[in-house]
């Protein structure tokens, strides 16, 4: 089987989020068949919902699309290291693999901070791959915050 990255699609979602005034984070969930099941960007400000991170919005859409609260065998591509809340939700959904772009030393929950998947309480530990599309993801984030300072 040949690896195919869907990070470009996640970056498209991040750009769209930035255009809406949201922190530019995008996420894509891919079925084992390679079909994109859901794609989303942050919507916390638009929806007045602190849980509307790109990963959560995509998880909700994917679960609805497949008719299940769990997504075994599915992959997540996200432009920024998931926070602790998102990492816990991804574990609960049984996502098989997480591919993320930029590291998040301040708020990350996978390789930094809470390191959700390293705790014995983690019900599921997905495979994690970092640094995919990191330069572009970092550029989007830095540009977004530089405009607001």
Protein backbone atom coordinates (compact mmCIF):
# COMPACT_ATOMS: atom_id res chain seq x y z
CA UNK A 1 0.00 0.00 0.00
CA UNK A 2 1.29 3.46 -0.93
CA UNK A 3 1.11 6.26 1.65
CA UNK A 4 -0.94 9.28 0.58
CA UNK A 5 -0.98 12.43 2.67
CA UNK A 6 -4.14 14.49 3.06
CA UNK A 7 -2.32 17.36 4.78
CA UNK A 8 -2.88 19.65 1.79
CA UNK A 9 -6.63 19.35 2.38
CA UNK A 10 -6.15 20.07 6.10
CA UNK A 11 -4.12 23.15 5.18
CA UNK A 12 -6.98 24.30 2.90
CA UNK A 13 -9.33 24.02 5.88
CA UNK A 14 -6.85 25.98 8.02
CA UNK A 15 -6.71 28.78 5.43
CA UNK A 16 -10.51 28.90 5.29
CA UNK A 17 -10.62 29.12 9.10
CA UNK A 18 -8.21 32.07 9.03
CA UNK A 19 -10.43 33.82 6.47
CA UNK A 20 -13.31 33.47 8.96
CA UNK A 21 -11.17 35.03 11.71
CA UNK A 22 -10.53 31.69 13.41
CA UNK A 23 -7.14 30.37 14.48
CA UNK A 24 -5.96 28.61 11.30
CA UNK A 25 -6.20 24.94 12.18
CA UNK A 26 -7.66 22.39 9.78
CA UNK A 27 -8.46 18.70 10.12
CA UNK A 28 -9.39 15.88 7.76
CA UNK A 29 -10.62 12.40 8.64
CA UNK A 30 -9.94 9.66 6.12
CA UNK A 31 -11.64 6.24 5.98
CA UNK A 32 -9.61 3.05 5.55
CA UNK A 33 -10.67 3.12 1.87
CA UNK A 34 -8.88 6.47 1.40
CA UNK A 35 -12.13 8.43 1.15
CA UNK A 36 -12.25 11.78 2.94
CA UNK A 37 -15.13 11.35 5.39
CA UNK A 38 -14.96 14.82 6.98
CA UNK A 39 -12.94 18.01 6.76
CA UNK A 40 -13.20 21.04 9.02
CA UNK A 41 -11.46 24.09 10.38
CA UNK A 42 -11.71 25.79 13.74
CA UNK A 43 -15.11 27.35 14.45
CA UNK A 44 -14.80 28.34 18.12
CA UNK A 45 -15.48 32.03 17.53
CA UNK A 46 -18.11 31.60 14.84
CA UNK A 47 -20.11 29.13 16.93
CA UNK A 48 -19.27 30.63 20.35
CA UNK A 49 -18.16 27.15 21.33
CA UNK A 50 -14.81 26.50 23.03
CA UNK A 51 -14.98 22.84 21.97
CA UNK A 52 -15.32 23.63 18.24
CA UNK A 53 -11.69 22.86 17.45
CA UNK A 54 -11.08 21.55 13.93
CA UNK A 55 -10.54 18.01 15.21
CA UNK A 56 -13.79 17.95 17.20
CA UNK A 57 -15.83 19.45 14.35
CA UNK A 58 -14.36 16.87 11.95
CA UNK A 59 -14.93 14.02 14.43
CA UNK A 60 -18.59 14.94 14.84
CA UNK A 61 -19.10 15.11 11.07
CA UNK A 62 -17.25 11.83 10.46
CA UNK A 63 -19.18 9.97 13.17
CA UNK A 64 -22.43 11.24 11.70
CA UNK A 65 -21.33 10.24 8.19
CA UNK A 66 -20.44 6.67 9.19
CA UNK A 67 -23.22 6.28 11.77
CA UNK A 68 -20.99 5.36 14.68
CA UNK A 69 -19.36 7.00 17.70
CA UNK A 70 -16.12 5.20 16.86
CA UNK A 71 -13.89 5.43 13.82
CA UNK A 72 -11.55 2.41 13.93
CA UNK A 73 -9.17 2.31 11.00
CA UNK A 74 -9.68 5.99 10.24
CA UNK A 75 -6.85 8.51 10.05
CA UNK A 76 -6.76 12.15 11.13
CA UNK A 77 -4.67 14.79 9.42
CA UNK A 78 -4.47 18.04 11.40
CA UNK A 79 -2.29 21.07 10.91
CA UNK A 80 -1.45 21.54 14.60
CA UNK A 81 -0.65 19.10 17.39
CA UNK A 82 -3.98 18.26 19.07
CA UNK A 83 -4.64 19.76 22.50
CA UNK A 84 -5.50 17.52 25.46
CA UNK A 85 -9.26 17.84 24.84
CA UNK A 86 -8.92 16.83 21.20
CA UNK A 87 -6.46 14.04 21.95
CA UNK A 88 -8.88 12.54 24.49
CA UNK A 89 -11.73 12.74 21.97
CA UNK A 90 -9.57 11.11 19.29
CA UNK A 91 -8.76 8.27 21.68
CA UNK A 92 -12.46 7.85 22.51
CA UNK A 93 -13.25 7.70 18.79
CA UNK A 94 -10.54 5.05 18.32
CA UNK A 95 -8.80 6.96 15.51
CA UNK A 96 -6.08 4.67 14.16
CA UNK A 97 -3.45 7.21 13.13
CA UNK A 98 -2.87 10.92 13.73
CA UNK A 99 -0.72 12.92 11.33
CA UNK A 100 -0.06 16.46 12.49
CA UNK A 101 1.92 19.39 11.15
CA UNK A 102 3.14 21.98 13.61
CA UNK A 103 4.12 21.09 17.16
CA UNK A 104 2.37 23.03 19.94
CA UNK A 105 4.70 23.33 22.94
CA UNK A 106 2.26 25.73 24.66
CA UNK A 107 -1.05 23.85 24.32
CA UNK A 108 -0.31 20.49 22.73
CA UNK A 109 -1.60 17.34 24.33
CA UNK A 110 0.23 14.65 22.35
CA UNK A 111 3.99 15.30 22.40
CA UNK A 112 3.81 18.25 24.80
CA UNK A 113 1.83 19.17 27.89
CA UNK A 114 -0.63 16.51 29.00
CA UNK A 115 0.72 13.80 26.64
CA UNK A 116 -2.70 12.16 26.74
CA UNK A 117 -1.72 8.95 24.97
CA UNK A 118 1.09 8.16 27.41
CA UNK A 119 -1.23 7.90 30.42
CA UNK A 120 -2.45 4.53 31.66
CA UNK A 121 -5.99 5.94 31.55
CA UNK A 122 -5.83 6.29 27.75
CA UNK A 123 -8.37 3.79 26.43
CA UNK A 124 -6.80 3.81 22.99
CA UNK A 125 -3.40 4.89 21.72
CA UNK A 126 -3.27 5.79 18.03
CA UNK A 127 -0.12 5.81 15.94
CA UNK A 128 1.18 9.39 15.81
CA UNK A 129 3.26 11.00 13.06
CA UNK A 130 4.39 14.60 13.39
CA UNK A 131 5.96 17.27 11.22
CA UNK A 132 3.90 16.63 8.07
CA UNK A 133 3.33 20.01 6.42
CA UNK A 134 4.78 21.66 9.51
CA UNK A 135 6.43 24.59 7.71
CA UNK A 136 3.23 25.70 6.00
CA UNK A 137 1.14 25.15 9.15
CA UNK A 138 3.59 27.18 11.23
CA UNK A 139 3.64 29.95 8.61
CA UNK A 140 -0.17 30.18 8.69
CA UNK A 141 -0.27 30.32 12.48
CA UNK A 142 2.55 32.86 12.84
CA UNK A 143 1.04 35.07 10.15
CA UNK A 144 -2.39 34.93 11.77
CA UNK A 145 -1.11 35.97 15.18
CA UNK A 146 1.32 38.58 13.79
CA UNK A 147 -1.64 40.38 12.17
CA UNK A 148 -3.37 40.57 15.54
CA UNK A 149 -0.47 41.95 17.54
